[in-house]
Protein backbone atom coordinates (compact mmCIF):
# COMPACT_ATOMS: atom_id res chain seq x y z
CA UNK A 1 13.79 22.76 -10.32
CA UNK A 2 15.10 22.10 -13.81
CA UNK A 3 18.15 24.08 -12.72
CA UNK A 4 18.60 21.82 -9.68
CA UNK A 5 18.37 18.77 -11.95
CA UNK A 6 20.98 20.26 -14.29
CA UNK A 7 23.21 21.21 -11.34
CA UNK A 8 23.00 17.71 -9.88
CA UNK A 9 23.83 16.32 -13.31
CA UNK A 10 26.92 18.55 -13.49
CA UNK A 11 28.00 17.54 -9.96
CA UNK A 12 27.62 13.84 -10.74
CA UNK A 13 29.27 14.30 -14.13
CA UNK A 14 32.34 15.95 -12.59
CA UNK A 15 32.59 13.24 -9.93
CA UNK A 16 32.25 10.66 -12.71
CA UNK A 17 35.15 12.13 -14.68
CA UNK A 18 37.37 12.08 -11.58
CA UNK A 19 36.55 8.41 -11.01
CA UNK A 20 36.81 7.69 -14.75
CA UNK A 21 40.39 8.95 -14.83
CA UNK A 22 41.46 6.16 -12.44
CA UNK A 23 41.46 3.73 -15.38
CA UNK A 24 40.33 5.28 -18.67
CA UNK A 25 40.38 2.01 -20.63
CA UNK A 26 38.18 0.23 -18.07
CA UNK A 27 35.93 3.29 -17.96
CA UNK A 28 35.48 3.26 -21.75
CA UNK A 29 34.74 -0.48 -21.72
CA UNK A 30 32.15 0.10 -18.97
CA UNK A 31 30.50 2.89 -20.98
CA UNK A 32 30.41 0.61 -24.03
CA UNK A 33 28.64 -2.09 -21.98
CA UNK A 34 26.09 0.48 -20.75
CA UNK A 35 25.39 1.66 -24.32
CA UNK A 36 25.07 -1.89 -25.69
CA UNK A 37 22.68 -2.99 -22.91
CA UNK A 38 20.85 0.34 -22.61
CA UNK A 39 17.54 -1.09 -23.89
CA UNK A 40 18.01 -4.67 -22.71
CA UNK A 41 15.43 -5.34 -19.99
CA UNK A 42 16.58 -8.92 -19.31
CA UNK A 43 20.26 -8.11 -18.74
CA UNK A 44 20.66 -4.81 -16.82
CA UNK A 45 24.07 -3.24 -17.37
CA UNK A 46 24.41 -2.40 -13.65
CA UNK A 47 24.41 -6.10 -12.72
CA UNK A 48 26.92 -6.92 -15.47
CA UNK A 49 29.25 -4.10 -14.35
CA UNK A 50 28.94 -5.12 -10.69
CA UNK A 51 29.93 -8.71 -11.52
CA UNK A 52 32.88 -7.47 -13.62
CA UNK A 53 33.99 -5.18 -10.79
CA UNK A 54 33.87 -7.96 -8.19
CA UNK A 55 35.77 -10.29 -10.56
CA UNK A 56 38.50 -7.65 -10.98
CA UNK A 57 38.75 -7.27 -7.18
CA UNK A 58 39.45 -10.98 -6.71
CA UNK A 59 41.57 -11.31 -9.89
CA UNK A 60 43.93 -8.51 -8.84
CA UNK A 61 44.22 -9.86 -5.30
CA UNK A 62 42.69 -6.77 -3.72
CA UNK A 63 40.30 -9.16 -1.98
CA UNK A 64 41.04 -12.80 -1.13
CA UNK A 65 38.59 -15.68 -0.87
CA UNK A 66 39.83 -16.30 2.68
CA UNK A 67 38.47 -12.87 3.65
CA UNK A 68 34.90 -13.91 2.85
CA UNK A 69 32.99 -14.57 6.05
CA UNK A 70 29.41 -14.46 7.28
CA UNK A 71 28.39 -12.98 10.58
CA UNK A 72 25.94 -10.66 12.26
CA UNK A 73 27.06 -7.05 12.84
CA UNK A 74 27.30 -5.69 16.37
CA UNK A 75 24.08 -3.99 17.42
CA UNK A 76 24.18 -1.28 20.06
CA UNK A 77 21.21 0.77 21.24
CA UNK A 78 22.16 4.41 21.79
CA UNK A 79 20.29 7.28 23.39
CA UNK A 80 21.36 10.68 21.96
CA UNK A 81 22.17 13.34 24.53
CA UNK A 82 20.86 16.91 24.36
CA UNK A 83 24.37 17.93 23.27
CA UNK A 84 24.21 15.43 20.39
CA UNK A 85 20.85 16.80 19.32
CA UNK A 86 21.93 20.46 19.56
CA UNK A 87 25.22 19.98 17.69
CA UNK A 88 23.57 17.74 15.12
CA UNK A 89 20.86 20.30 14.40
CA UNK A 90 23.32 23.20 14.14
CA UNK A 91 25.94 21.43 12.02
CA UNK A 92 23.76 19.25 9.80
CA UNK A 93 20.08 19.68 10.57
CA UNK A 94 19.46 23.24 9.41
CA UNK A 95 21.52 22.89 6.22
CA UNK A 96 19.96 19.52 5.45
CA UNK A 97 16.48 20.97 5.96
CA UNK A 98 16.88 23.39 3.04
CA UNK A 99 18.59 20.75 0.89
CA UNK A 100 15.82 18.28 1.63
CA UNK A 101 13.22 20.83 0.60
CA UNK A 102 14.99 21.50 -2.71
CA UNK A 103 16.39 18.14 -3.79
CA UNK A 104 13.96 15.73 -2.17
CA UNK A 105 10.51 17.17 -1.65
CA UNK A 106 10.48 19.16 -4.90
CA UNK A 107 13.13 17.80 -7.30
CA UNK A 108 12.44 14.12 -6.60
CA UNK A 109 8.68 14.55 -6.96
CA UNK A 110 9.22 16.49 -10.19
CA UNK A 111 11.61 13.86 -11.56
CA UNK A 112 9.25 11.01 -10.69
CA UNK A 113 6.50 12.74 -12.67
CA UNK A 114 8.90 13.25 -15.58
CA UNK A 115 10.01 9.62 -15.60
CA UNK A 116 6.56 8.16 -14.96
CA UNK A 117 4.07 10.58 -16.56
CA UNK A 118 1.25 8.02 -16.43
CA UNK A 119 1.57 7.84 -12.61
CA UNK A 120 1.54 11.52 -11.68
CA UNK A 121 -0.32 10.97 -8.42
CA UNK A 122 1.75 8.00 -7.26
CA UNK A 123 4.08 10.08 -5.08
CA UNK A 124 3.99 13.45 -3.37
CA UNK A 125 6.13 15.58 -1.08
CA UNK A 126 4.12 14.65 2.02
CA UNK A 127 4.71 10.91 1.61
CA UNK A 128 8.45 11.47 1.07
CA UNK A 129 8.69 13.75 4.11
CA UNK A 130 6.81 11.27 6.32
CA UNK A 131 8.95 8.37 5.10
CA UNK A 132 12.22 10.25 5.76
CA UNK A 133 10.99 11.54 9.10
CA UNK A 134 10.17 8.07 10.40
CA UNK A 135 13.47 6.49 9.33
CA UNK A 136 15.49 9.37 10.77
CA UNK A 137 13.67 9.15 14.10
CA UNK A 138 14.53 5.44 14.39
CA UNK A 139 18.03 5.46 12.85
CA UNK A 140 19.93 7.51 15.50
CA UNK A 141 19.02 5.06 18.27
CA UNK A 142 20.82 2.33 16.30
CA UNK A 143 23.87 4.49 15.55
CA UNK A 144 22.68 5.21 12.02
CA UNK A 145 23.43 8.27 9.91
CA UNK A 146 20.84 10.69 8.42
CA UNK A 147 19.12 9.31 5.35
CA UNK A 148 16.98 10.89 2.66
CA UNK A 149 15.57 10.36 -0.79
CA UNK A 150 17.12 12.20 -3.72
CA UNK A 151 16.58 12.90 -7.40
CA UNK A 152 20.09 11.63 -8.21
CA UNK A 153 19.35 8.24 -6.66
CA UNK A 154 16.02 8.03 -8.45
CA UNK A 155 17.68 8.90 -11.77
CA UNK A 156 20.34 6.23 -11.23
CA UNK A 157 17.76 3.56 -10.37
CA UNK A 158 15.73 4.44 -13.46
CA UNK A 159 18.79 4.64 -15.72
CA UNK A 160 19.84 1.09 -14.89
CA UNK A 161 16.48 -0.61 -15.25
CA UNK A 162 14.59 -0.21 -11.96
CA UNK A 163 11.16 0.77 -13.29
CA UNK A 164 8.73 -1.04 -10.97
CA UNK A 165 8.04 -1.56 -7.28
CA UNK A 166 9.19 -5.16 -7.67
CA UNK A 167 12.75 -4.02 -8.40
CA UNK A 168 12.78 -2.06 -5.13
CA UNK A 169 11.54 -5.10 -3.18
CA UNK A 170 14.23 -7.31 -4.72
CA UNK A 171 16.95 -4.76 -4.00
CA UNK A 172 15.67 -4.24 -0.45
CA UNK A 173 15.71 -7.97 0.36
CA UNK A 174 19.24 -8.29 -1.06
CA UNK A 175 20.50 -5.27 0.89
CA UNK A 176 18.98 -6.52 4.17
CA UNK A 177 20.63 -9.92 3.70
CA UNK A 178 24.02 -8.45 2.77
CA UNK A 179 23.85 -5.88 5.56
CA UNK A 180 22.98 -8.45 8.22
CA UNK A 181 25.32 -11.27 7.23
CA UNK A 182 28.03 -9.79 4.95
CA UNK A 183 28.65 -6.30 6.31
CA UNK A 184 32.43 -6.74 6.67
CA UNK A 185 32.68 -8.22 3.16
CA UNK A 186 30.61 -5.35 1.75
CA UNK A 187 32.95 -2.83 3.34
CA UNK A 188 35.97 -4.46 1.68
CA UNK A 189 34.21 -4.60 -1.70
CA UNK A 190 33.21 -0.92 -1.49
CA UNK A 191 36.77 0.07 -0.64
CA UNK A 192 38.33 -1.89 -3.52
CA UNK A 193 35.64 -1.68 -6.23
CA UNK A 194 37.11 -0.25 -9.49
CA UNK A 195 36.48 3.49 -9.55
CA UNK A 196 36.35 3.63 -13.35
CA UNK A 197 33.27 1.39 -13.41
CA UNK A 198 31.54 3.62 -10.87
CA UNK A 199 32.57 6.61 -12.96
CA UNK A 200 30.92 5.18 -16.07
CA UNK A 201 27.69 4.50 -14.18
CA UNK A 202 27.70 7.98 -12.66
CA UNK A 203 28.37 9.56 -16.05
CA UNK A 204 25.38 7.83 -17.60
CA UNK A 205 23.18 8.98 -14.70
CA UNK A 206 24.48 12.55 -15.09
CA UNK A 207 23.64 12.52 -18.81
CA UNK A 208 20.10 11.35 -18.03
CA UNK A 209 19.61 14.15 -15.49
CA UNK A 210 20.96 16.73 -17.94
CA UNK A 211 18.60 15.47 -20.62
CA UNK A 212 15.61 15.69 -18.29
CA UNK A 213 16.61 19.22 -17.18
CA UNK A 214 15.93 20.50 -20.71
CA UNK A 215 12.85 18.35 -21.27
CA UNK A 216 10.54 21.39 -21.45
CA UNK A 217 13.01 23.59 -23.33
CA UNK A 218 12.04 27.21 -23.71
CA UNK A 219 14.11 30.19 -24.79
CA UNK A 220 12.65 32.20 -21.91
CA UNK A 221 13.44 29.69 -19.16
CA UNK A 222 16.74 28.28 -20.50
CA UNK A 223 18.91 31.11 -19.02
CA UNK A 224 17.39 30.55 -15.56
CA UNK A 225 17.98 26.79 -15.80
CA UNK A 226 21.60 27.27 -16.90
CA UNK A 227 22.42 29.92 -14.28
CA UNK A 228 20.76 27.89 -11.52
CA UNK A 229 22.55 24.72 -12.64
CA UNK A 230 25.97 26.41 -12.75
CA UNK A 231 25.47 27.89 -9.26
CA UNK A 232 24.44 24.45 -7.98
CA UNK A 233 27.67 23.07 -9.39
CA UNK A 234 29.97 25.86 -8.14
CA UNK A 235 28.44 26.30 -4.68
CA UNK A 236 25.70 23.83 -3.73
CA UNK A 237 22.12 22.85 -4.58
CA UNK A 238 20.61 25.24 -2.04
CA UNK A 239 22.32 28.31 -3.55
CA UNK A 240 21.35 27.25 -7.09
CA UNK A 241 17.77 26.57 -6.04
CA UNK A 242 17.35 29.94 -4.31
CA UNK A 243 18.99 31.81 -7.20
CA UNK A 244 16.74 30.08 -9.72
CA UNK A 245 13.69 30.86 -7.60
CA UNK A 246 14.59 34.55 -7.36
CA UNK A 247 15.25 34.81 -11.11
CA UNK A 248 11.96 33.10 -11.85
CA UNK A 249 10.01 35.48 -9.60
CA UNK A 250 11.71 38.49 -11.22
CA UNK A 251 10.96 37.39 -14.78
CA UNK A 252 7.73 35.53 -13.99
CA UNK A 253 5.52 37.85 -16.05
CA UNK A 254 7.75 37.68 -19.12
CA UNK A 255 8.00 33.89 -18.91
CA UNK A 256 4.25 33.44 -18.69
CA UNK A 257 3.55 35.83 -21.55
CA UNK A 258 2.30 33.76 -24.44
CA UNK A 259 2.48 35.08 -28.01
CA UNK A 260 -1.00 35.82 -29.24
CA UNK A 261 -1.81 33.87 -32.37
CA UNK A 262 -4.62 35.41 -34.38
CA UNK A 263 -6.69 32.69 -36.01
CA UNK A 264 -9.02 33.38 -38.89
CA UNK A 265 -12.60 32.56 -38.07
CA UNK A 266 -13.91 29.46 -39.78
CA UNK A 267 -16.36 30.19 -42.62
CA UNK A 268 -20.01 29.53 -41.89
CA UNK A 269 -22.45 27.62 -44.13
CA UNK A 270 -23.46 30.75 -46.10
CA UNK A 271 -19.84 31.71 -46.78
CA UNK A 272 -19.07 28.17 -47.93
CA UNK A 273 -22.01 28.29 -50.37
CA UNK A 274 -20.78 31.64 -51.80
CA UNK A 275 -17.26 30.31 -52.20
CA UNK A 276 -18.60 27.19 -53.92
CA UNK A 277 -20.63 29.32 -56.35
CA UNK A 278 -17.59 31.54 -57.03
CA UNK A 279 -15.43 28.49 -57.81
């Protein structure tokens, strides 16, 4: 799972560099803002960067004030056909099942325990699976797309200051409001938002994931983590996860072998008395 975390960090890092290259100067300024506000709990860098990005959109004329409008989106209840279900399962369902197992039910749980060691029992794979199952049963009837949790999303939330349940409630309320009344405006903002700012935010998240991947560094496990991470980056997370699992099973005995440290027995009362007399 450390290999999956490293692989996801590499994937996000590469995507970040591609976005970063859109405007290197703006990207460097964004990284500087992240570094300056990295420990500031009152002024999260993500909010500052979002405001700067929206200002740039309006300043450059990519979005005009006249385009701002409020309105409810069009709701349409849909009943999937058997063909929809069959094609969906074959094209996306089976592949997503393995990815969900690796990145969500294992990697996300592992990352949550790494980030919040004092709350090890706060989340488990069963609760994540139940949560995703319920939302994905409801979503298709409203024309929604498949949704899932992910270690990358958790790392990004943590990196930019979301450390409590309250932050999730605030974000959820804001997203419901924007989704219901400003969906067209959101679409325009997403299309025109400066890529370099997104690149800087992604790069910081990638660095955090890479750092966590080597949290429990060991000479014996480092090759497996690196190989698994590289395969995740080159192919996908499923391939890297399976390769890391196979390598771990092959070298399991060697990894678990602990060097035997011979400790001298502590002297008893009689030995201490003899040593005292000798001195």
